[in-house]
Every structure is written in structure tokens, then in C-alpha cells.
Amino acid sequence: MLLKYLIASLLLVAGLAQASGPEVEQYTYQTKLDIAQVLRTEVTPTPICKVTDAVLTYRDSAGELRKLGYRTLSEACKTEN
């Protein structure tokens, strides 16, 4: 019985690790971009206008799933003059 729970736990942990996807590569000016399809853009929310972190999830021309981290202005900046 204990072995059954141990195996289920290991499968759950392995599934969660795989669900997080690829490691985030930080953007630099030297980064060669190969973006075929943008899947999602996530910006860290902040209540004030400031520079914050964002992650772009995309597929490259080979169909590989990739994540690119970069810095951008927060969504709060859109409402300020």
C-alpha cells in the first residue's frame, strides 16, 4: 500500500516538473530570436508603474516550446500619463 502511494507521488512530481515546461532563457541584445508562434505573454503584475519581469512562451521554427524572459513596463503604466 505504501509503495502505491510512493509511486503515485513520484508520478505527480514528475508531471509537475514537466508541466512547467522549458527553462526560461533571459533575453540579451545578442539573443538570436526564432519565434514562429507566440503562445503566451505573462507580465508580473504591480499596482504602480515600474519596470517588471515578463515571460514570452513560444514555439520556434522547429516546433520546440521555448520561454524567453525579459524586462518591460508594468500594465499599470498604460493608465498613467
C-alpha atoms as a PDB file:
ATOM      1  CA  MET A   1       0.000   0.000   0.000  1.00  0.00           C
ATOM      2  CA  LEU A   2       2.821   2.375   0.893  1.00  0.00           C
ATOM      3  CA  LEU A   3       4.559   1.543  -2.386  1.00  0.00           C
ATOM      4  CA  LYS A   4       1.399   2.506  -4.281  1.00  0.00           C
ATOM      5  CA  TYR A   5       1.363   5.987  -2.666  1.00  0.00           C
ATOM      6  CA  LEU A   6       5.090   6.418  -3.226  1.00  0.00           C
ATOM      7  CA  ILE A   7       4.781   5.643  -6.940  1.00  0.00           C
ATOM      8  CA  ALA A   8       1.750   7.955  -7.274  1.00  0.00           C
ATOM      9  CA  SER A   9       3.683  10.754  -5.553  1.00  0.00           C
ATOM     10  CA  LEU A  10       6.697  10.302  -7.832  1.00  0.00           C
ATOM     11  CA  LEU A  11       4.489  10.393 -10.923  1.00  0.00           C
ATOM     12  CA  LEU A  12       2.796  13.559  -9.684  1.00  0.00           C
ATOM     13  CA  VAL A  13       6.136  15.294  -9.043  1.00  0.00           C
ATOM     14  CA  ALA A  14       7.442  14.223 -12.456  1.00  0.00           C
ATOM     15  CA  GLY A  15       4.274  15.508 -14.116  1.00  0.00           C
ATOM     16  CA  LEU A  16       4.506  18.874 -12.346  1.00  0.00           C
ATOM     17  CA  ALA A  17       8.146  19.262 -13.345  1.00  0.00           C
ATOM     18  CA  GLN A  18       7.298  18.508 -16.962  1.00  0.00           C
ATOM     19  CA  ALA A  19       4.224  20.786 -16.925  1.00  0.00           C
ATOM     20  CA  SER A  20       6.346  23.813 -16.070  1.00  0.00           C
ATOM     21  CA  GLY A  21       7.941  23.436 -19.498  1.00  0.00           C
ATOM     22  CA  PRO A  22      11.351  24.569 -20.630  1.00  0.00           C
ATOM     23  CA  GLU A  23      13.701  26.686 -18.584  1.00  0.00           C
ATOM     24  CA  VAL A  24      13.375  30.449 -19.089  1.00  0.00           C
ATOM     25  CA  GLU A  25      16.191  31.947 -21.180  1.00  0.00           C
ATOM     26  CA  GLN A  26      16.944  35.582 -20.296  1.00  0.00           C
ATOM     27  CA  TYR A  27      16.891  37.957 -23.257  1.00  0.00           C
ATOM     28  CA  THR A  28      20.035  39.915 -24.131  1.00  0.00           C
ATOM     29  CA  TYR A  29      20.810  42.029 -27.178  1.00  0.00           C
ATOM     30  CA  GLN A  30      22.844  39.079 -28.526  1.00  0.00           C
ATOM     31  CA  THR A  31      19.905  36.643 -28.276  1.00  0.00           C
ATOM     32  CA  LYS A  32      19.038  35.144 -31.666  1.00  0.00           C
ATOM     33  CA  LEU A  33      15.247  35.116 -31.886  1.00  0.00           C
ATOM     34  CA  ASP A  34      13.487  32.308 -33.770  1.00  0.00           C
ATOM     35  CA  ILE A  35       9.800  32.847 -32.982  1.00  0.00           C
ATOM     36  CA  ALA A  36       7.311  31.031 -35.200  1.00  0.00           C
ATOM     37  CA  GLN A  37       4.244  31.230 -32.921  1.00  0.00           C
ATOM     38  CA  VAL A  38       3.628  33.202 -29.713  1.00  0.00           C
ATOM     39  CA  LEU A  39       1.625  31.147 -27.217  1.00  0.00           C
ATOM     40  CA  ARG A  40       1.505  33.368 -24.136  1.00  0.00           C
ATOM     41  CA  THR A  41       2.935  36.517 -22.590  1.00  0.00           C
ATOM     42  CA  GLU A  42       2.981  36.798 -18.799  1.00  0.00           C
ATOM     43  CA  VAL A  43       3.830  40.109 -17.101  1.00  0.00           C
ATOM     44  CA  THR A  44       4.397  40.225 -13.337  1.00  0.00           C
ATOM     45  CA  PRO A  45       1.524  42.391 -12.026  1.00  0.00           C
ATOM     46  CA  THR A  46       2.279  45.504  -9.973  1.00  0.00           C
ATOM     47  CA  PRO A  47      -0.079  48.251  -8.746  1.00  0.00           C
ATOM     48  CA  ILE A  48       2.358  51.005  -9.748  1.00  0.00           C
ATOM     49  CA  CYS A  49       4.067  51.933 -12.989  1.00  0.00           C
ATOM     50  CA  LYS A  50       7.558  50.414 -12.985  1.00  0.00           C
ATOM     51  CA  VAL A  51       9.853  48.068 -14.880  1.00  0.00           C
ATOM     52  CA  THR A  52       8.917  44.451 -14.178  1.00  0.00           C
ATOM     53  CA  ASP A  53       9.644  40.920 -15.405  1.00  0.00           C
ATOM     54  CA  ALA A  54       7.821  39.207 -18.262  1.00  0.00           C
ATOM     55  CA  VAL A  55       7.992  35.758 -19.862  1.00  0.00           C
ATOM     56  CA  LEU A  56       7.182  35.030 -23.503  1.00  0.00           C
ATOM     57  CA  THR A  57       6.215  31.409 -24.228  1.00  0.00           C
ATOM     58  CA  TYR A  58       6.564  30.495 -27.901  1.00  0.00           C
ATOM     59  CA  ARG A  59       7.339  27.809 -30.461  1.00  0.00           C
ATOM     60  CA  ASP A  60      10.411  28.151 -32.650  1.00  0.00           C
ATOM     61  CA  SER A  61      10.627  27.206 -36.343  1.00  0.00           C
ATOM     62  CA  ALA A  62      11.473  23.596 -35.358  1.00  0.00           C
ATOM     63  CA  GLY A  63       8.302  23.361 -33.232  1.00  0.00           C
ATOM     64  CA  GLU A  64      10.176  23.357 -29.914  1.00  0.00           C
ATOM     65  CA  LEU A  65       8.490  25.039 -26.940  1.00  0.00           C
ATOM     66  CA  ARG A  66      10.639  27.851 -25.503  1.00  0.00           C
ATOM     67  CA  LYS A  67      10.398  30.579 -22.868  1.00  0.00           C
ATOM     68  CA  LEU A  68      12.113  33.951 -23.026  1.00  0.00           C
ATOM     69  CA  GLY A  69      12.387  36.246 -20.010  1.00  0.00           C
ATOM     70  CA  TYR A  70      12.691  39.991 -20.456  1.00  0.00           C
ATOM     71  CA  ARG A  71      12.071  43.318 -18.690  1.00  0.00           C
ATOM     72  CA  THR A  72       9.119  45.557 -19.593  1.00  0.00           C
ATOM     73  CA  LEU A  73       6.903  48.289 -18.170  1.00  0.00           C
ATOM     74  CA  SER A  74       4.062  47.043 -15.984  1.00  0.00           C
ATOM     75  CA  GLU A  75       0.428  47.134 -17.098  1.00  0.00           C
ATOM     76  CA  ALA A  76      -0.193  49.980 -14.608  1.00  0.00           C
ATOM     77  CA  CYS A  77       1.855  52.276 -16.877  1.00  0.00           C
ATOM     78  CA  LYS A  78      -0.876  52.150 -19.519  1.00  0.00           C
ATOM     79  CA  THR A  79      -3.203  54.273 -17.376  1.00  0.00           C
ATOM     80  CA  GLU A  80      -0.631  56.874 -16.305  1.00  0.00           C
ATOM     81  CA  ASN A  81       0.371  59.936 -18.308  1.00  0.00           C
END
